[in-house]
Amino acid sequence: MLMNDVQTYKRELVLKEQELLDLRRSLEQLDASKDELQSELDAKTEELSHARAQLDKQAREFSNVQHQISSITGKEDTIQRRLGERE
């Protein structure tokens, strides 16, 4: 009877060791997946930062163009008024 118990415990121990090994492999795969996802997140964060910088640049350029249009429109109005005064 004692030999049967020892054999049963050995089988259970082997099963537990296999389960532990499987869990370690799963953990390694999860770590690898986490690292891959972190790399992708870092790349996307960098892309977002670049896109924001481009958007800021374009917003400044648009503002400058609006200012130039306002300035030209003001000059055009002044010229039209002066021409109207001469006539």
C-alpha atoms as a PDB file:
ATOM      1  CA  MET A   1       0.000   0.000   0.000  1.00  0.00           C
ATOM      2  CA  LEU A   2       2.819   2.386   0.817  1.00  0.00           C
ATOM      3  CA  MET A   3       4.401   1.733  -2.609  1.00  0.00           C
ATOM      4  CA  ASN A   4       1.126   2.619  -4.296  1.00  0.00           C
ATOM      5  CA  ASP A   5       0.998   5.878  -2.371  1.00  0.00           C
ATOM      6  CA  VAL A   6       4.587   6.667  -3.315  1.00  0.00           C
ATOM      7  CA  GLN A   7       3.865   5.933  -6.987  1.00  0.00           C
ATOM      8  CA  THR A   8       0.739   8.096  -6.861  1.00  0.00           C
ATOM      9  CA  TYR A   9       2.671  10.977  -5.306  1.00  0.00           C
ATOM     10  CA  LYS A  10       5.409  10.614  -7.920  1.00  0.00           C
ATOM     11  CA  ARG A  11       2.851  10.777 -10.728  1.00  0.00           C
ATOM     12  CA  GLU A  12       1.223  13.806  -9.108  1.00  0.00           C
ATOM     13  CA  LEU A  13       4.625  15.437  -8.700  1.00  0.00           C
ATOM     14  CA  VAL A  14       5.466  14.844 -12.365  1.00  0.00           C
ATOM     15  CA  LEU A  15       2.104  16.319 -13.360  1.00  0.00           C
ATOM     16  CA  LYS A  16       2.648  19.351 -11.117  1.00  0.00           C
ATOM     17  CA  GLU A  17       6.151  19.837 -12.517  1.00  0.00           C
ATOM     18  CA  GLN A  18       4.750  19.687 -16.060  1.00  0.00           C
ATOM     19  CA  GLU A  19       2.041  22.147 -15.095  1.00  0.00           C
ATOM     20  CA  LEU A  20       4.663  24.458 -13.615  1.00  0.00           C
ATOM     21  CA  LEU A  21       6.769  24.168 -16.770  1.00  0.00           C
ATOM     22  CA  ASP A  22       3.721  24.985 -18.911  1.00  0.00           C
ATOM     23  CA  LEU A  23       2.952  27.993 -16.736  1.00  0.00           C
ATOM     24  CA  ARG A  24       6.537  29.227 -17.068  1.00  0.00           C
ATOM     25  CA  ARG A  25       6.337  28.909 -20.863  1.00  0.00           C
ATOM     26  CA  SER A  26       3.045  30.782 -20.867  1.00  0.00           C
ATOM     27  CA  LEU A  27       4.580  33.499 -18.723  1.00  0.00           C
ATOM     28  CA  GLU A  28       7.540  33.799 -21.101  1.00  0.00           C
ATOM     29  CA  GLN A  29       5.139  34.116 -24.036  1.00  0.00           C
ATOM     30  CA  LEU A  30       3.158  36.765 -22.195  1.00  0.00           C
ATOM     31  CA  ASP A  31       6.350  38.682 -21.429  1.00  0.00           C
ATOM     32  CA  ALA A  32       7.357  38.514 -25.088  1.00  0.00           C
ATOM     33  CA  SER A  33       3.896  39.709 -26.137  1.00  0.00           C
ATOM     34  CA  LYS A  34       4.051  42.518 -23.586  1.00  0.00           C
ATOM     35  CA  ASP A  35       7.439  43.618 -24.919  1.00  0.00           C
ATOM     36  CA  GLU A  36       6.125  43.562 -28.480  1.00  0.00           C
ATOM     37  CA  LEU A  37       3.055  45.578 -27.513  1.00  0.00           C
ATOM     38  CA  GLN A  38       5.227  48.067 -25.622  1.00  0.00           C
ATOM     39  CA  SER A  39       7.413  48.505 -28.705  1.00  0.00           C
ATOM     40  CA  GLU A  40       4.340  49.112 -30.846  1.00  0.00           C
ATOM     41  CA  LEU A  41       2.978  51.572 -28.283  1.00  0.00           C
ATOM     42  CA  ASP A  42       6.299  53.431 -28.218  1.00  0.00           C
ATOM     43  CA  ALA A  43       6.312  53.640 -32.023  1.00  0.00           C
ATOM     44  CA  LYS A  44       2.711  54.891 -32.113  1.00  0.00           C
ATOM     45  CA  THR A  45       3.460  57.432 -29.382  1.00  0.00           C
ATOM     46  CA  GLU A  46       6.368  58.726 -31.443  1.00  0.00           C
ATOM     47  CA  GLU A  47       4.143  58.896 -34.544  1.00  0.00           C
ATOM     48  CA  LEU A  48       1.516  60.804 -32.554  1.00  0.00           C
ATOM     49  CA  SER A  49       4.119  63.256 -31.300  1.00  0.00           C
ATOM     50  CA  HIS A  50       5.328  63.833 -34.855  1.00  0.00           C
ATOM     51  CA  ALA A  51       1.744  64.279 -36.099  1.00  0.00           C
ATOM     52  CA  ARG A  52       1.038  66.814 -33.345  1.00  0.00           C
ATOM     53  CA  ALA A  53       4.179  68.748 -34.258  1.00  0.00           C
ATOM     54  CA  GLN A  54       3.106  68.764 -37.915  1.00  0.00           C
ATOM     55  CA  LEU A  55      -0.392  69.894 -36.951  1.00  0.00           C
ATOM     56  CA  ASP A  56       1.027  72.729 -34.836  1.00  0.00           C
ATOM     57  CA  LYS A  57       3.253  73.803 -37.713  1.00  0.00           C
ATOM     58  CA  GLN A  58       0.354  73.766 -40.164  1.00  0.00           C
ATOM     59  CA  ALA A  59      -1.844  75.695 -37.723  1.00  0.00           C
ATOM     60  CA  ARG A  60       0.844  78.395 -37.432  1.00  0.00           C
ATOM     61  CA  GLU A  61       1.218  78.533 -41.216  1.00  0.00           C
ATOM     62  CA  PHE A  62      -2.557  78.795 -41.621  1.00  0.00           C
ATOM     63  CA  SER A  63      -2.664  81.616 -39.098  1.00  0.00           C
ATOM     64  CA  ASN A  64       0.100  83.424 -40.987  1.00  0.00           C
ATOM     65  CA  VAL A  65      -1.789  83.009 -44.261  1.00  0.00           C
ATOM     66  CA  GLN A  66      -4.957  84.361 -42.643  1.00  0.00           C
ATOM     67  CA  HIS A  67      -2.999  87.361 -41.375  1.00  0.00           C
ATOM     68  CA  GLN A  68      -1.520  87.969 -44.821  1.00  0.00           C
ATOM     69  CA  ILE A  69      -4.973  87.747 -46.416  1.00  0.00           C
ATOM     70  CA  SER A  70      -6.340  90.245 -43.896  1.00  0.00           C
ATOM     71  CA  SER A  71      -3.420  92.559 -44.578  1.00  0.00           C
ATOM     72  CA  ILE A  72      -3.871  92.322 -48.348  1.00  0.00           C
ATOM     73  CA  THR A  73      -7.633  92.823 -48.018  1.00  0.00           C
ATOM     74  CA  GLY A  74      -7.024  95.929 -45.892  1.00  0.00           C
ATOM     75  CA  LYS A  75      -4.591  97.317 -48.458  1.00  0.00           C
ATOM     76  CA  GLU A  76      -7.015  96.544 -51.257  1.00  0.00           C
ATOM     77  CA  ASP A  77      -9.817  98.347 -49.404  1.00  0.00           C
ATOM     78  CA  THR A  78      -7.542 101.355 -48.868  1.00  0.00           C
ATOM     79  CA  ILE A  79      -6.598 101.436 -52.554  1.00  0.00           C
ATOM     80  CA  GLN A  80     -10.242 101.124 -53.623  1.00  0.00           C
ATOM     81  CA  ARG A  81     -11.226 103.942 -51.256  1.00  0.00           C
ATOM     82  CA  ARG A  82      -8.459 106.208 -52.563  1.00  0.00           C
ATOM     83  CA  LEU A  83      -9.400 105.453 -56.132  1.00  0.00           C
ATOM     84  CA  GLY A  84     -13.004 106.261 -55.271  1.00  0.00           C
ATOM     85  CA  GLU A  85     -11.927 109.572 -53.741  1.00  0.00           C
ATOM     86  CA  ARG A  86     -10.029 110.543 -56.904  1.00  0.00           C
ATOM     87  CA  GLU A  87     -13.002 109.992 -59.114  1.00  0.00           C
END
